Amino acid sequence: MTILLFGITKDIVGSSTLSVPTSSATGRKVPKTVKELKQFLGETYPELNKLSSLAVAVNNNYAEDGELINSYDEIALIPPVSGG
């Protein structure tokens, strides 16, 4: 599963995209929902947990924590944005 990163999330991860394993070959639970994906990413990149908010878009639509995700979905992490 490939995730597009923007703003501070890109800085934290060090790349504009991130691949998440879609099989349990790593021994870690494979994320099946948006909430599980956030938890997976928070464990892998603890700095993400410090953000005041973190929105997830699935197939160009904002997604709630309970939404199911699949390896073929287009997923993006959208950090808090400050305007001015």
N, C-alpha and C. Protein backbone atom coordinates (compact mmCIF):
# COMPACT_ATOMS: atom_id res chain seq x y z
N MET A 1 0.85 -1.16 0.00
CA MET A 1 0.00 0.00 0.00
C MET A 1 0.90 1.23 0.00
N THR A 2 0.63 2.16 -0.89
CA THR A 2 1.44 3.37 -0.97
C THR A 2 0.63 4.54 -0.42
N ILE A 3 1.30 5.34 0.39
CA ILE A 3 0.67 6.49 1.03
C ILE A 3 1.39 7.75 0.56
N LEU A 4 0.61 8.74 0.16
CA LEU A 4 1.15 10.04 -0.23
C LEU A 4 1.26 10.91 1.01
N LEU A 5 2.37 11.61 1.15
CA LEU A 5 2.62 12.43 2.34
C LEU A 5 2.75 13.89 1.94
N PHE A 6 2.25 14.77 2.80
CA PHE A 6 2.29 16.20 2.54
C PHE A 6 2.74 16.94 3.79
N GLY A 7 3.29 18.14 3.59
CA GLY A 7 3.67 19.01 4.70
C GLY A 7 4.61 18.35 5.69
N ILE A 8 4.30 18.51 6.96
CA ILE A 8 5.16 18.00 8.03
C ILE A 8 5.26 16.47 8.02
N THR A 9 4.22 15.78 7.54
CA THR A 9 4.30 14.32 7.49
C THR A 9 5.41 13.88 6.54
N LYS A 10 5.60 14.62 5.47
CA LYS A 10 6.68 14.32 4.53
C LYS A 10 8.03 14.54 5.19
N ASP A 11 8.14 15.59 6.00
CA ASP A 11 9.39 15.87 6.71
C ASP A 11 9.69 14.79 7.75
N ILE A 12 8.66 14.34 8.47
CA ILE A 12 8.85 13.32 9.52
C ILE A 12 9.32 12.00 8.91
N VAL A 13 8.68 11.59 7.83
CA VAL A 13 9.01 10.30 7.21
C VAL A 13 10.27 10.40 6.36
N GLY A 14 10.53 11.59 5.80
CA GLY A 14 11.71 11.78 4.97
C GLY A 14 11.50 11.43 3.51
N SER A 15 10.24 11.38 3.09
CA SER A 15 9.91 11.03 1.72
C SER A 15 8.50 11.53 1.41
N SER A 16 8.18 11.68 0.12
CA SER A 16 6.83 12.12 -0.25
C SER A 16 5.88 10.94 -0.40
N THR A 17 6.41 9.72 -0.35
CA THR A 17 5.57 8.52 -0.38
C THR A 17 6.10 7.52 0.63
N LEU A 18 5.23 6.64 1.04
CA LEU A 18 5.58 5.62 2.02
C LEU A 18 4.87 4.33 1.64
N SER A 19 5.60 3.23 1.66
CA SER A 19 5.00 1.93 1.38
C SER A 19 4.75 1.20 2.68
N VAL A 20 3.55 0.70 2.84
CA VAL A 20 3.18 -0.08 4.02
C VAL A 20 2.95 -1.50 3.56
N PRO A 21 3.55 -2.48 4.23
CA PRO A 21 3.37 -3.88 3.82
C PRO A 21 1.91 -4.29 3.84
N THR A 22 1.51 -5.06 2.85
CA THR A 22 0.13 -5.54 2.79
C THR A 22 0.03 -7.02 3.16
N SER A 23 1.13 -7.55 3.67
CA SER A 23 1.09 -8.92 4.18
C SER A 23 1.75 -8.93 5.55
N SER A 24 1.54 -9.97 6.30
CA SER A 24 2.07 -10.03 7.65
C SER A 24 3.48 -10.61 7.70
N ALA A 25 4.21 -10.54 6.59
CA ALA A 25 5.58 -11.07 6.54
C ALA A 25 6.48 -10.38 7.57
N THR A 26 6.15 -9.15 7.93
CA THR A 26 6.96 -8.41 8.89
C THR A 26 6.66 -8.83 10.33
N GLY A 27 5.58 -9.61 10.53
CA GLY A 27 5.19 -10.00 11.87
C GLY A 27 4.30 -8.98 12.56
N ARG A 28 4.06 -7.85 11.90
CA ARG A 28 3.18 -6.82 12.45
C ARG A 28 1.80 -6.94 11.81
N LYS A 29 0.81 -6.51 12.53
CA LYS A 29 -0.56 -6.56 12.02
C LYS A 29 -0.70 -5.62 10.82
N VAL A 30 -1.31 -6.11 9.77
CA VAL A 30 -1.52 -5.32 8.56
C VAL A 30 -2.73 -4.41 8.80
N PRO A 31 -2.59 -3.09 8.57
CA PRO A 31 -3.72 -2.18 8.80
C PRO A 31 -4.87 -2.46 7.82
N LYS A 32 -6.08 -2.58 8.37
CA LYS A 32 -7.27 -2.84 7.55
C LYS A 32 -8.25 -1.67 7.59
N THR A 33 -8.06 -0.75 8.56
CA THR A 33 -8.91 0.42 8.66
C THR A 33 -8.02 1.67 8.78
N VAL A 34 -8.64 2.82 8.62
CA VAL A 34 -7.91 4.08 8.76
C VAL A 34 -7.31 4.18 10.17
N LYS A 35 -8.08 3.80 11.18
CA LYS A 35 -7.59 3.86 12.57
C LYS A 35 -6.36 2.97 12.75
N GLU A 36 -6.42 1.74 12.22
CA GLU A 36 -5.27 0.83 12.33
C GLU A 36 -4.07 1.38 11.57
N LEU A 37 -4.31 2.04 10.45
CA LEU A 37 -3.21 2.64 9.69
C LEU A 37 -2.55 3.75 10.51
N LYS A 38 -3.36 4.59 11.15
CA LYS A 38 -2.80 5.66 11.99
C LYS A 38 -1.97 5.07 13.13
N GLN A 39 -2.47 4.00 13.75
CA GLN A 39 -1.74 3.37 14.84
C GLN A 39 -0.43 2.77 14.33
N PHE A 40 -0.48 2.11 13.19
CA PHE A 40 0.70 1.51 12.57
C PHE A 40 1.75 2.59 12.29
N LEU A 41 1.31 3.69 11.70
CA LEU A 41 2.24 4.77 11.37
C LEU A 41 2.77 5.45 12.63
N GLY A 42 1.93 5.60 13.65
CA GLY A 42 2.37 6.20 14.90
C GLY A 42 3.42 5.37 15.61
N GLU A 43 3.32 4.04 15.48
CA GLU A 43 4.34 3.16 16.07
C GLU A 43 5.64 3.23 15.28
N THR A 44 5.52 3.34 13.97
CA THR A 44 6.70 3.38 13.11
C THR A 44 7.37 4.75 13.13
N TYR A 45 6.57 5.80 13.17
CA TYR A 45 7.07 7.18 13.17
C TYR A 45 6.42 7.92 14.34
N PRO A 46 6.96 7.78 15.55
CA PRO A 46 6.34 8.37 16.75
C PRO A 46 6.11 9.89 16.66
N GLU A 47 6.88 10.58 15.87
CA GLU A 47 6.69 12.02 15.72
C GLU A 47 5.30 12.35 15.16
N LEU A 48 4.71 11.44 14.39
CA LEU A 48 3.37 11.67 13.85
C LEU A 48 2.34 11.79 14.97
N ASN A 49 2.58 11.12 16.10
CA ASN A 49 1.65 11.17 17.23
C ASN A 49 1.61 12.55 17.87
N LYS A 50 2.62 13.36 17.63
CA LYS A 50 2.70 14.69 18.25
C LYS A 50 1.91 15.74 17.48
N LEU A 51 1.43 15.40 16.28
CA LEU A 51 0.67 16.36 15.48
C LEU A 51 -0.69 16.61 16.13
N SER A 52 -1.17 17.85 16.07
CA SER A 52 -2.45 18.19 16.69
C SER A 52 -3.62 17.50 16.00
N SER A 53 -3.46 17.20 14.74
CA SER A 53 -4.47 16.44 14.00
C SER A 53 -3.79 15.81 12.80
N LEU A 54 -4.40 14.78 12.28
CA LEU A 54 -3.88 14.12 11.10
C LEU A 54 -5.05 13.52 10.35
N ALA A 55 -5.37 14.12 9.21
CA ALA A 55 -6.48 13.62 8.40
C ALA A 55 -5.94 12.59 7.41
N VAL A 56 -6.81 11.66 7.06
CA VAL A 56 -6.46 10.65 6.08
C VAL A 56 -7.50 10.73 4.96
N ALA A 57 -7.01 10.75 3.73
CA ALA A 57 -7.90 10.70 2.58
C ALA A 57 -7.73 9.35 1.90
N VAL A 58 -8.84 8.75 1.54
CA VAL A 58 -8.83 7.48 0.82
C VAL A 58 -9.58 7.72 -0.49
N ASN A 59 -8.87 7.51 -1.59
CA ASN A 59 -9.45 7.72 -2.92
C ASN A 59 -10.05 9.13 -3.05
N ASN A 60 -9.26 10.12 -2.63
CA ASN A 60 -9.59 11.54 -2.76
C ASN A 60 -10.74 12.03 -1.89
N ASN A 61 -11.11 11.25 -0.87
CA ASN A 61 -12.16 11.67 0.06
C ASN A 61 -11.64 11.51 1.49
N TYR A 62 -11.96 12.51 2.33
CA TYR A 62 -11.59 12.37 3.73
C TYR A 62 -12.24 11.13 4.30
N ALA A 63 -11.48 10.39 5.12
CA ALA A 63 -11.95 9.11 5.65
C ALA A 63 -12.02 9.15 7.16
N GLU A 64 -13.04 8.51 7.70
CA GLU A 64 -13.20 8.35 9.15
C GLU A 64 -12.37 7.15 9.60
N ASP A 65 -12.11 7.06 10.90
CA ASP A 65 -11.27 6.00 11.45
C ASP A 65 -11.77 4.59 11.12
N GLY A 66 -13.07 4.40 11.02
CA GLY A 66 -13.62 3.07 10.79
C GLY A 66 -13.62 2.63 9.34
N GLU A 67 -13.24 3.51 8.43
CA GLU A 67 -13.29 3.15 7.01
C GLU A 67 -12.25 2.07 6.67
N LEU A 68 -12.70 1.08 5.90
CA LEU A 68 -11.81 0.01 5.47
C LEU A 68 -10.88 0.50 4.38
N ILE A 69 -9.64 0.00 4.41
CA ILE A 69 -8.67 0.35 3.37
C ILE A 69 -8.12 -0.92 2.75
N ASN A 70 -7.72 -0.81 1.50
CA ASN A 70 -7.16 -1.93 0.75
C ASN A 70 -5.86 -1.51 0.11
N SER A 71 -5.09 -2.47 -0.34
CA SER A 71 -3.78 -2.18 -0.93
C SER A 71 -3.88 -1.36 -2.20
N TYR A 72 -5.01 -1.39 -2.89
CA TYR A 72 -5.15 -0.66 -4.15
C TYR A 72 -5.73 0.75 -3.96
N ASP A 73 -6.10 1.12 -2.74
CA ASP A 73 -6.62 2.46 -2.49
C ASP A 73 -5.52 3.51 -2.59
N GLU A 74 -5.90 4.71 -3.03
CA GLU A 74 -4.98 5.84 -2.99
C GLU A 74 -5.18 6.51 -1.63
N ILE A 75 -4.12 6.52 -0.83
CA ILE A 75 -4.20 7.03 0.53
C ILE A 75 -3.26 8.22 0.68
N ALA A 76 -3.73 9.26 1.36
CA ALA A 76 -2.90 10.43 1.60
C ALA A 76 -3.03 10.84 3.07
N LEU A 77 -1.91 11.26 3.66
CA LEU A 77 -1.91 11.82 5.01
C LEU A 77 -1.91 13.33 4.87
N ILE A 78 -2.84 13.97 5.54
CA ILE A 78 -2.99 15.42 5.45
C ILE A 78 -2.78 16.00 6.84
N PRO A 79 -1.65 16.66 7.06
CA PRO A 79 -1.35 17.22 8.38
C PRO A 79 -2.15 18.49 8.63
N PRO A 80 -2.10 18.99 9.87
CA PRO A 80 -2.76 20.27 10.14
C PRO A 80 -2.15 21.36 9.29
N VAL A 81 -2.99 22.28 8.84
CA VAL A 81 -2.52 23.36 7.98
C VAL A 81 -2.78 24.68 8.69
N SER A 82 -1.77 25.52 8.71
CA SER A 82 -1.95 26.85 9.31
C SER A 82 -2.11 27.86 8.18
N GLY A 83 -3.07 28.70 8.34
CA GLY A 83 -3.32 29.73 7.31
C GLY A 83 -2.94 31.09 7.84
N GLY A 84 -2.95 32.04 6.95
CA GLY A 84 -2.62 33.37 7.45
C GLY A 84 -2.56 34.39 6.40
